[in-house]
Amino acid sequence: MKRLFLLLAAAFLLPVLSAAQTADEIVAKALAARGGIPKIKAVQSQRISGSISFGPEVSGPFQVELSRPGKLHMEITLPQGKVVRVYDGKGNGWVILPFGENRGAQPMSDEDIKNINEESDFDGPFVDAKEKGNTVELTGKEDIDGKPAYRLKLTMKNGNVRDYWVDASSYLLLKWQGTRKQDDKDITVESTFKDYRDVNGLKFAFTIETGLPGGPAMQRIVLEKIEIDPKIAAARFAKPAEPGDAAKSPSN
């Protein structure tokens, strides 16, 4: 009887233990599929260039520069003008928008700072997840565009919850889902990742589409070039110059 009880107990506990181990295994394989933690951590800076579209009439080229620790400089050139977002990695960020009454460099909102902290971490939330205070759970297995995928629930230290779908064959990321603030409301958005290519031994998705779950893509990013460890001047991560400053010349 005692042996039977132990066997039954083991049978009930095994799925729980396996689920926890499997989540860790999937994360490890996903990071290996990207190129491996040593290569990911060895990268000190990135420059990403391509095009972004917010619809048939609003699109243009963009460039993002990233540098450790957590620095970001982004420029998007739209028909209305240039959008600039800069974060110094120390809690200070600025935005320049080509529309509205005030077109100078404005401080980022608290919500922007929270989001850009995630954007500027080009290692991603799964690298050193425990050290960052993130927890990962395996919540199931689903088909994404006909591909079996593991669904991982990531709970970040700040309380934000994200879902990630990892290809069960290649272990590359297929889809991400989370919430974003819009007009003081939390809305659910998702991004799909396609056209993976190798750059210096690391895998990057060269097409990223974002929209509402079940709806058409509202934003489409197509990468053209990724530079690993380019030299980026420190001034790129400081408060940006006001629009028009570069065009001013000393008077004679």
C-alpha atoms as a PDB file:
ATOM      1  CA  MET A   1       0.000   0.000   0.000  1.00  0.00           C
ATOM      2  CA  LYS A   2       2.804   2.407   0.887  1.00  0.00           C
ATOM      3  CA  ARG A   3       4.540   1.668  -2.426  1.00  0.00           C
ATOM      4  CA  LEU A   4       1.287   2.286  -4.321  1.00  0.00           C
ATOM      5  CA  PHE A   5       0.830   5.629  -2.519  1.00  0.00           C
ATOM      6  CA  LEU A   6       4.370   6.708  -3.450  1.00  0.00           C
ATOM      7  CA  LEU A   7       3.818   5.759  -7.080  1.00  0.00           C
ATOM      8  CA  LEU A   8       0.557   7.718  -7.202  1.00  0.00           C
ATOM      9  CA  ALA A   9       2.160  10.732  -5.527  1.00  0.00           C
ATOM     10  CA  ALA A  10       5.015  10.626  -8.010  1.00  0.00           C
ATOM     11  CA  ALA A  11       2.563  10.420 -10.898  1.00  0.00           C
ATOM     12  CA  PHE A  12       0.770  13.572  -9.722  1.00  0.00           C
ATOM     13  CA  LEU A  13       3.971  15.499  -8.945  1.00  0.00           C
ATOM     14  CA  LEU A  14       5.827  14.570 -12.137  1.00  0.00           C
ATOM     15  CA  PRO A  15       3.818  16.869 -14.475  1.00  0.00           C
ATOM     16  CA  VAL A  16       4.438  19.830 -12.141  1.00  0.00           C
ATOM     17  CA  LEU A  17       8.167  19.197 -11.961  1.00  0.00           C
ATOM     18  CA  SER A  18       8.423  18.492 -15.682  1.00  0.00           C
ATOM     19  CA  ALA A  19       6.563  21.697 -16.559  1.00  0.00           C
ATOM     20  CA  ALA A  20       9.022  23.796 -14.554  1.00  0.00           C
ATOM     21  CA  GLN A  21      12.011  21.984 -16.078  1.00  0.00           C
ATOM     22  CA  THR A  22      10.532  22.173 -19.581  1.00  0.00           C
ATOM     23  CA  ALA A  23      10.062  25.954 -19.321  1.00  0.00           C
ATOM     24  CA  ASP A  24      13.734  26.304 -18.428  1.00  0.00           C
ATOM     25  CA  GLU A  25      14.701  23.946 -21.260  1.00  0.00           C
ATOM     26  CA  ILE A  26      12.677  25.894 -23.810  1.00  0.00           C
ATOM     27  CA  VAL A  27      14.236  29.191 -22.729  1.00  0.00           C
ATOM     28  CA  ALA A  28      17.716  27.644 -22.929  1.00  0.00           C
ATOM     29  CA  LYS A  29      17.022  26.267 -26.426  1.00  0.00           C
ATOM     30  CA  ALA A  30      15.511  29.584 -27.563  1.00  0.00           C
ATOM     31  CA  LEU A  31      18.636  31.447 -26.469  1.00  0.00           C
ATOM     32  CA  ALA A  32      20.835  28.830 -28.143  1.00  0.00           C
ATOM     33  CA  ALA A  33      18.807  29.224 -31.349  1.00  0.00           C
ATOM     34  CA  ARG A  34      19.526  32.967 -31.307  1.00  0.00           C
ATOM     35  CA  GLY A  35      23.246  32.210 -31.190  1.00  0.00           C
ATOM     36  CA  GLY A  36      23.928  31.397 -27.554  1.00  0.00           C
ATOM     37  CA  ILE A  37      24.307  33.509 -24.426  1.00  0.00           C
ATOM     38  CA  PRO A  38      28.082  34.137 -24.825  1.00  0.00           C
ATOM     39  CA  LYS A  39      27.597  35.633 -28.301  1.00  0.00           C
ATOM     40  CA  ILE A  40      24.518  37.594 -27.223  1.00  0.00           C
ATOM     41  CA  LYS A  41      26.345  39.103 -24.238  1.00  0.00           C
ATOM     42  CA  ALA A  42      29.486  39.829 -26.259  1.00  0.00           C
ATOM     43  CA  VAL A  43      27.628  42.390 -28.377  1.00  0.00           C
ATOM     44  CA  GLN A  44      28.260  45.880 -27.022  1.00  0.00           C
ATOM     45  CA  SER A  45      26.349  47.938 -29.605  1.00  0.00           C
ATOM     46  CA  GLN A  46      23.995  47.558 -32.555  1.00  0.00           C
ATOM     47  CA  ARG A  47      22.814  49.721 -35.422  1.00  0.00           C
ATOM     48  CA  ILE A  48      19.594  48.593 -37.119  1.00  0.00           C
ATOM     49  CA  SER A  49      18.308  50.187 -40.330  1.00  0.00           C
ATOM     50  CA  GLY A  50      15.178  49.546 -42.346  1.00  0.00           C
ATOM     51  CA  SER A  51      11.700  50.808 -43.115  1.00  0.00           C
ATOM     52  CA  ILE A  52       8.571  51.104 -40.983  1.00  0.00           C
ATOM     53  CA  SER A  53       4.957  51.414 -42.104  1.00  0.00           C
ATOM     54  CA  PHE A  54       1.955  52.511 -40.058  1.00  0.00           C
ATOM     55  CA  GLY A  55      -0.392  52.185 -43.037  1.00  0.00           C
ATOM     56  CA  PRO A  56      -0.382  52.791 -46.796  1.00  0.00           C
ATOM     57  CA  GLU A  57       0.150  56.550 -46.419  1.00  0.00           C
ATOM     58  CA  VAL A  58       2.443  56.699 -43.382  1.00  0.00           C
ATOM     59  CA  SER A  59       5.799  55.012 -43.829  1.00  0.00           C
ATOM     60  CA  GLY A  60       9.477  55.806 -44.031  1.00  0.00           C
ATOM     61  CA  PRO A  61      13.027  54.761 -43.163  1.00  0.00           C
ATOM     62  CA  PHE A  62      14.192  54.301 -39.597  1.00  0.00           C
ATOM     63  CA  GLN A  63      17.406  53.667 -37.718  1.00  0.00           C
ATOM     64  CA  VAL A  64      17.901  52.412 -34.167  1.00  0.00           C
ATOM     65  CA  GLU A  65      21.219  52.552 -32.317  1.00  0.00           C
ATOM     66  CA  LEU A  66      21.706  50.577 -29.104  1.00  0.00           C
ATOM     67  CA  SER A  67      24.606  50.484 -26.694  1.00  0.00           C
ATOM     68  CA  ARG A  68      25.251  48.993 -23.287  1.00  0.00           C
ATOM     69  CA  PRO A  69      24.064  49.617 -20.687  1.00  0.00           C
ATOM     70  CA  GLY A  70      20.516  50.184 -21.963  1.00  0.00           C
ATOM     71  CA  LYS A  71      21.104  53.177 -24.248  1.00  0.00           C
ATOM     72  CA  LEU A  72      18.918  53.859 -27.291  1.00  0.00           C
ATOM     73  CA  HIS A  73      18.687  56.383 -30.126  1.00  0.00           C
ATOM     74  CA  MET A  74      15.871  55.999 -32.662  1.00  0.00           C
ATOM     75  CA  GLU A  75      14.987  58.122 -35.684  1.00  0.00           C
ATOM     76  CA  ILE A  76      12.002  57.587 -37.977  1.00  0.00           C
ATOM     77  CA  THR A  77      11.586  59.793 -41.050  1.00  0.00           C
ATOM     78  CA  LEU A  78       7.904  60.196 -41.975  1.00  0.00           C
ATOM     79  CA  PRO A  79       6.173  62.445 -44.523  1.00  0.00           C
ATOM     80  CA  GLN A  80       5.295  64.801 -41.638  1.00  0.00           C
ATOM     81  CA  GLY A  81       8.900  65.009 -40.456  1.00  0.00           C
ATOM     82  CA  LYS A  82      11.352  63.160 -38.240  1.00  0.00           C
ATOM     83  CA  VAL A  83      10.478  61.358 -34.986  1.00  0.00           C
ATOM     84  CA  VAL A  84      13.380  61.066 -32.533  1.00  0.00           C
ATOM     85  CA  ARG A  85      13.488  58.999 -29.333  1.00  0.00           C
ATOM     86  CA  VAL A  86      16.576  58.960 -27.122  1.00  0.00           C
ATOM     87  CA  TYR A  87      17.281  57.165 -23.842  1.00  0.00           C
ATOM     88  CA  ASP A  88      20.542  57.536 -21.912  1.00  0.00           C
ATOM     89  CA  GLY A  89      20.280  54.245 -19.994  1.00  0.00           C
ATOM     90  CA  LYS A  90      20.118  56.130 -16.688  1.00  0.00           C
ATOM     91  CA  GLY A  91      16.412  56.904 -16.492  1.00  0.00           C
ATOM     92  CA  ASN A  92      16.396  59.974 -18.755  1.00  0.00           C
ATOM     93  CA  GLY A  93      14.650  60.014 -22.119  1.00  0.00           C
ATOM     94  CA  TRP A  94      13.528  62.568 -24.701  1.00  0.00           C
ATOM     95  CA  VAL A  95      11.155  62.633 -27.659  1.00  0.00           C
ATOM     96  CA  ILE A  96      10.935  64.957 -30.659  1.00  0.00           C
ATOM     97  CA  LEU A  97       7.690  64.821 -32.664  1.00  0.00           C
ATOM     98  CA  PRO A  98       7.147  66.607 -35.988  1.00  0.00           C
ATOM     99  CA  PHE A  99       3.547  67.499 -35.167  1.00  0.00           C
ATOM    100  CA  GLY A 100       1.786  69.341 -32.357  1.00  0.00           C
ATOM    101  CA  GLU A 101       2.429  72.761 -30.863  1.00  0.00           C
ATOM    102  CA  ASN A 102       5.743  71.990 -29.153  1.00  0.00           C
ATOM    103  CA  ARG A 103       8.188  70.343 -31.538  1.00  0.00           C
ATOM    104  CA  GLY A 104      11.249  70.589 -29.335  1.00  0.00           C
ATOM    105  CA  ALA A 105      12.850  67.804 -27.307  1.00  0.00           C
ATOM    106  CA  GLN A 106      10.348  66.794 -24.621  1.00  0.00           C
ATOM    107  CA  PRO A 107      10.982  64.524 -21.603  1.00  0.00           C
ATOM    108  CA  MET A 108       9.588  61.041 -21.960  1.00  0.00           C
ATOM    109  CA  SER A 109       6.585  60.125 -19.818  1.00  0.00           C
ATOM    110  CA  ASP A 110       6.899  57.548 -17.054  1.00  0.00           C
ATOM    111  CA  GLU A 111       5.101  55.051 -19.296  1.00  0.00           C
ATOM    112  CA  ASP A 112       7.554  55.749 -22.134  1.00  0.00           C
ATOM    113  CA  ILE A 113      10.498  55.254 -19.795  1.00  0.00           C
ATOM    114  CA  LYS A 114       9.093  51.913 -18.634  1.00  0.00           C
ATOM    115  CA  ASN A 115       8.625  50.726 -22.206  1.00  0.00           C
ATOM    116  CA  ILE A 116      11.951  52.000 -23.484  1.00  0.00           C
ATOM    117  CA  ASN A 117      13.742  50.206 -20.670  1.00  0.00           C
ATOM    118  CA  GLU A 118      12.483  47.007 -22.282  1.00  0.00           C
ATOM    119  CA  GLU A 119      13.300  48.198 -25.820  1.00  0.00           C
ATOM    120  CA  SER A 120      16.866  49.170 -24.933  1.00  0.00           C
ATOM    121  CA  ASP A 121      17.625  45.765 -23.376  1.00  0.00           C
ATOM    122  CA  PHE A 122      18.756  44.100 -26.595  1.00  0.00           C
ATOM    123  CA  ASP A 123      19.672  40.925 -24.680  1.00  0.00           C
ATOM    124  CA  GLY A 124      15.943  40.410 -24.121  1.00  0.00           C
ATOM    125  CA  PRO A 125      14.056  39.397 -20.960  1.00  0.00           C
ATOM    126  CA  PHE A 126      15.087  35.724 -21.099  1.00  0.00           C
ATOM    127  CA  VAL A 127      18.817  36.393 -20.734  1.00  0.00           C
ATOM    128  CA  ASP A 128      19.598  36.352 -16.993  1.00  0.00           C
ATOM    129  CA  ALA A 129      15.843  36.226 -16.374  1.00  0.00           C
ATOM    130  CA  LYS A 130      16.143  35.326 -12.684  1.00  0.00           C
ATOM    131  CA  GLU A 131      18.727  38.033 -12.045  1.00  0.00           C
ATOM    132  CA  LYS A 132      16.348  40.547 -13.647  1.00  0.00           C
ATOM    133  CA  GLY A 133      13.509  39.371 -11.409  1.00  0.00           C
ATOM    134  CA  ASN A 134      11.582  37.770 -14.295  1.00  0.00           C
ATOM    135  CA  THR A 135       9.749  34.462 -13.967  1.00  0.00           C
ATOM    136  CA  VAL A 136       8.859  32.146 -16.848  1.00  0.00           C
ATOM    137  CA  GLU A 137       6.066  29.559 -17.032  1.00  0.00           C
ATOM    138  CA  LEU A 138       5.138  27.095 -19.746  1.00  0.00           C
ATOM    139  CA  THR A 139       1.391  27.539 -20.296  1.00  0.00           C
ATOM    140  CA  GLY A 140       0.753  25.285 -23.276  1.00  0.00           C
ATOM    141  CA  LYS A 141       1.473  24.383 -26.876  1.00  0.00           C
ATOM    142  CA  GLU A 142      -0.387  25.955 -29.805  1.00  0.00           C
ATOM    143  CA  ASP A 143      -0.179  26.304 -33.590  1.00  0.00           C
ATOM    144  CA  ILE A 144       1.074  29.636 -34.927  1.00  0.00           C
ATOM    145  CA  ASP A 145       0.587  29.952 -38.686  1.00  0.00           C
ATOM    146  CA  GLY A 146       0.614  26.167 -38.932  1.00  0.00           C
ATOM    147  CA  LYS A 147       3.719  25.733 -36.781  1.00  0.00           C
ATOM    148  CA  PRO A 148       3.581  24.006 -33.353  1.00  0.00           C
ATOM    149  CA  ALA A 149       4.828  26.452 -30.739  1.00  0.00           C
ATOM    150  CA  TYR A 150       5.399  26.517 -26.993  1.00  0.00           C
ATOM    151  CA  ARG A 151       3.625  29.331 -25.157  1.00  0.00           C
ATOM    152  CA  LEU A 152       5.657  30.934 -22.385  1.00  0.00           C
ATOM    153  CA  LYS A 153       4.256  33.385 -19.855  1.00  0.00           C
ATOM    154  CA  LEU A 154       6.819  35.918 -18.697  1.00  0.00           C
ATOM    155  CA  THR A 155       6.120  37.933 -15.552  1.00  0.00           C
ATOM    156  CA  MET A 156       8.560  40.789 -15.214  1.00  0.00           C
ATOM    157  CA  LYS A 157       9.853  42.338 -12.012  1.00  0.00           C
ATOM    158  CA  ASN A 158       7.698  45.438 -12.575  1.00  0.00           C
ATOM    159  CA  GLY A 159       4.549  43.280 -12.816  1.00  0.00           C
ATOM    160  CA  ASN A 160       4.181  43.422 -16.602  1.00  0.00           C
ATOM    161  CA  VAL A 161       3.061  40.139 -18.143  1.00  0.00           C
ATOM    162  CA  ARG A 162       4.052  39.050 -21.642  1.00  0.00           C
ATOM    163  CA  ASP A 163       3.313  35.891 -23.639  1.00  0.00           C
ATOM    164  CA  TYR A 164       5.855  34.469 -26.072  1.00  0.00           C
ATOM    165  CA  TRP A 165       5.374  31.682 -28.629  1.00  0.00           C
ATOM    166  CA  VAL A 166       8.545  29.744 -29.459  1.00  0.00           C
ATOM    167  CA  ASP A 167       8.731  27.487 -32.528  1.00  0.00           C
ATOM    168  CA  ALA A 168       8.780  23.869 -31.270  1.00  0.00           C
ATOM    169  CA  SER A 169      11.187  22.915 -34.060  1.00  0.00           C
ATOM    170  CA  SER A 170      13.623  25.810 -34.541  1.00  0.00           C
ATOM    171  CA  TYR A 171      13.087  27.381 -31.070  1.00  0.00           C
ATOM    172  CA  LEU A 172      13.026  30.822 -32.668  1.00  0.00           C
ATOM    173  CA  LEU A 173      10.451  33.358 -31.458  1.00  0.00           C
ATOM    174  CA  LEU A 174       7.285  33.370 -33.587  1.00  0.00           C
ATOM    175  CA  LYS A 175       4.977  35.732 -31.691  1.00  0.00           C
ATOM    176  CA  TRP A 176       4.821  38.110 -28.723  1.00  0.00           C
ATOM    177  CA  GLN A 177       1.735  39.451 -26.952  1.00  0.00           C
ATOM    178  CA  GLY A 178       1.403  42.097 -24.264  1.00  0.00           C
ATOM    179  CA  THR A 179      -0.309  45.370 -23.374  1.00  0.00           C
ATOM    180  CA  ARG A 180       0.409  48.971 -24.292  1.00  0.00           C
ATOM    181  CA  LYS A 181      -1.058  52.225 -22.991  1.00  0.00           C
ATOM    182  CA  GLN A 182      -3.261  54.131 -25.416  1.00  0.00           C
ATOM    183  CA  ASP A 183      -5.349  57.085 -24.251  1.00  0.00           C
ATOM    184  CA  ASP A 184      -4.866  55.954 -20.620  1.00  0.00           C
ATOM    185  CA  LYS A 185      -6.193  52.493 -21.459  1.00  0.00           C
ATOM    186  CA  ASP A 186      -4.361  49.187 -21.606  1.00  0.00           C
ATOM    187  CA  ILE A 187      -4.811  47.545 -24.988  1.00  0.00           C
ATOM    188  CA  THR A 188      -3.553  44.108 -26.013  1.00  0.00           C
ATOM    189  CA  VAL A 189      -1.158  44.051 -28.950  1.00  0.00           C
ATOM    190  CA  GLU A 190       0.852  41.302 -30.564  1.00  0.00           C
ATOM    191  CA  SER A 191       3.858  41.066 -32.856  1.00  0.00           C
ATOM    192  CA  THR A 192       4.878  38.284 -35.224  1.00  0.00           C
ATOM    193  CA  PHE A 193       8.492  37.630 -36.198  1.00  0.00           C
ATOM    194  CA  LYS A 194       9.478  36.311 -39.636  1.00  0.00           C
ATOM    195  CA  ASP A 195      12.345  36.015 -42.111  1.00  0.00           C
ATOM    196  CA  TYR A 196      15.118  35.094 -39.678  1.00  0.00           C
ATOM    197  CA  ARG A 197      18.636  35.715 -40.951  1.00  0.00           C
ATOM    198  CA  ASP A 198      22.112  35.150 -39.585  1.00  0.00           C
ATOM    199  CA  VAL A 199      24.201  38.214 -38.697  1.00  0.00           C
ATOM    200  CA  ASN A 200      27.635  37.486 -37.237  1.00  0.00           C
ATOM    201  CA  GLY A 201      26.407  34.199 -35.800  1.00  0.00           C
ATOM    202  CA  LEU A 202      23.234  35.666 -34.280  1.00  0.00           C
ATOM    203  CA  LYS A 203      19.697  35.176 -35.577  1.00  0.00           C
ATOM    204  CA  PHE A 204      17.447  38.203 -36.189  1.00  0.00           C
ATOM    205  CA  ALA A 205      13.893  38.464 -37.524  1.00  0.00           C
ATOM    206  CA  PHE A 206      13.989  40.842 -40.501  1.00  0.00           C
ATOM    207  CA  THR A 207      10.188  41.283 -40.675  1.00  0.00           C
ATOM    208  CA  ILE A 208       8.090  42.250 -37.629  1.00  0.00           C
ATOM    209  CA  GLU A 209       4.360  42.921 -37.859  1.00  0.00           C
ATOM    210  CA  THR A 210       2.334  44.377 -34.976  1.00  0.00           C
ATOM    211  CA  GLY A 211      -1.417  44.777 -34.500  1.00  0.00           C
ATOM    212  CA  LEU A 212      -4.418  43.826 -32.412  1.00  0.00           C
ATOM    213  CA  PRO A 213      -4.960  40.090 -31.794  1.00  0.00           C
ATOM    214  CA  GLY A 214      -6.869  38.589 -34.696  1.00  0.00           C
ATOM    215  CA  GLY A 215      -6.722  41.816 -36.702  1.00  0.00           C
ATOM    216  CA  PRO A 216      -4.574  43.113 -39.557  1.00  0.00           C
ATOM    217  CA  ALA A 217      -1.078  44.454 -38.929  1.00  0.00           C
ATOM    218  CA  MET A 218      -1.089  48.124 -37.928  1.00  0.00           C
ATOM    219  CA  GLN A 219       2.699  48.403 -38.067  1.00  0.00           C
ATOM    220  CA  ARG A 220       5.203  46.603 -40.275  1.00  0.00           C
ATOM    221  CA  ILE A 221       8.969  46.755 -39.853  1.00  0.00           C
ATOM    222  CA  VAL A 222      11.300  45.423 -42.529  1.00  0.00           C
ATOM    223  CA  LEU A 223      14.984  45.425 -41.646  1.00  0.00           C
ATOM    224  CA  GLU A 224      17.588  46.100 -44.302  1.00  0.00           C
ATOM    225  CA  LYS A 225      20.818  46.047 -42.318  1.00  0.00           C
ATOM    226  CA  ILE A 226      22.047  45.107 -38.846  1.00  0.00           C
ATOM    227  CA  GLU A 227      25.512  46.216 -37.757  1.00  0.00           C
ATOM    228  CA  ILE A 228      27.134  44.489 -34.795  1.00  0.00           C
ATOM    229  CA  ASP A 229      29.425  46.563 -32.555  1.00  0.00           C
ATOM    230  CA  PRO A 230      29.516  49.758 -34.643  1.00  0.00           C
ATOM    231  CA  LYS A 231      31.217  52.779 -33.110  1.00  0.00           C
ATOM    232  CA  ILE A 232      28.511  55.118 -31.766  1.00  0.00           C
ATOM    233  CA  ALA A 233      29.355  58.518 -30.302  1.00  0.00           C
ATOM    234  CA  ALA A 234      28.283  59.008 -26.676  1.00  0.00           C
ATOM    235  CA  ALA A 235      26.481  62.210 -27.695  1.00  0.00           C
ATOM    236  CA  ARG A 236      23.916  60.109 -29.584  1.00  0.00           C
ATOM    237  CA  PHE A 237      22.445  59.094 -26.229  1.00  0.00           C
ATOM    238  CA  ALA A 238      22.304  62.594 -24.726  1.00  0.00           C
ATOM    239  CA  LYS A 239      19.423  65.065 -25.017  1.00  0.00           C
ATOM    240  CA  PRO A 240      18.906  65.593 -28.770  1.00  0.00           C
ATOM    241  CA  ALA A 241      19.383  68.958 -30.422  1.00  0.00           C
ATOM    242  CA  GLU A 242      16.273  71.006 -31.116  1.00  0.00           C
ATOM    243  CA  PRO A 243      14.900  70.723 -34.667  1.00  0.00           C
ATOM    244  CA  GLY A 244      16.653  73.202 -36.928  1.00  0.00           C
ATOM    245  CA  ASP A 245      19.747  73.582 -34.736  1.00  0.00           C
ATOM    246  CA  ALA A 246      21.894  71.604 -37.173  1.00  0.00           C
ATOM    247  CA  ALA A 247      20.808  73.860 -39.997  1.00  0.00           C
ATOM    248  CA  LYS A 248      21.760  77.073 -38.214  1.00  0.00           C
ATOM    249  CA  SER A 249      25.019  78.644 -39.237  1.00  0.00           C
ATOM    250  CA  PRO A 250      26.975  81.533 -37.651  1.00  0.00           C
ATOM    251  CA  SER A 251      26.007  84.929 -38.981  1.00  0.00           C
ATOM    252  CA  ASN A 252      28.580  86.874 -40.971  1.00  0.00           C
END
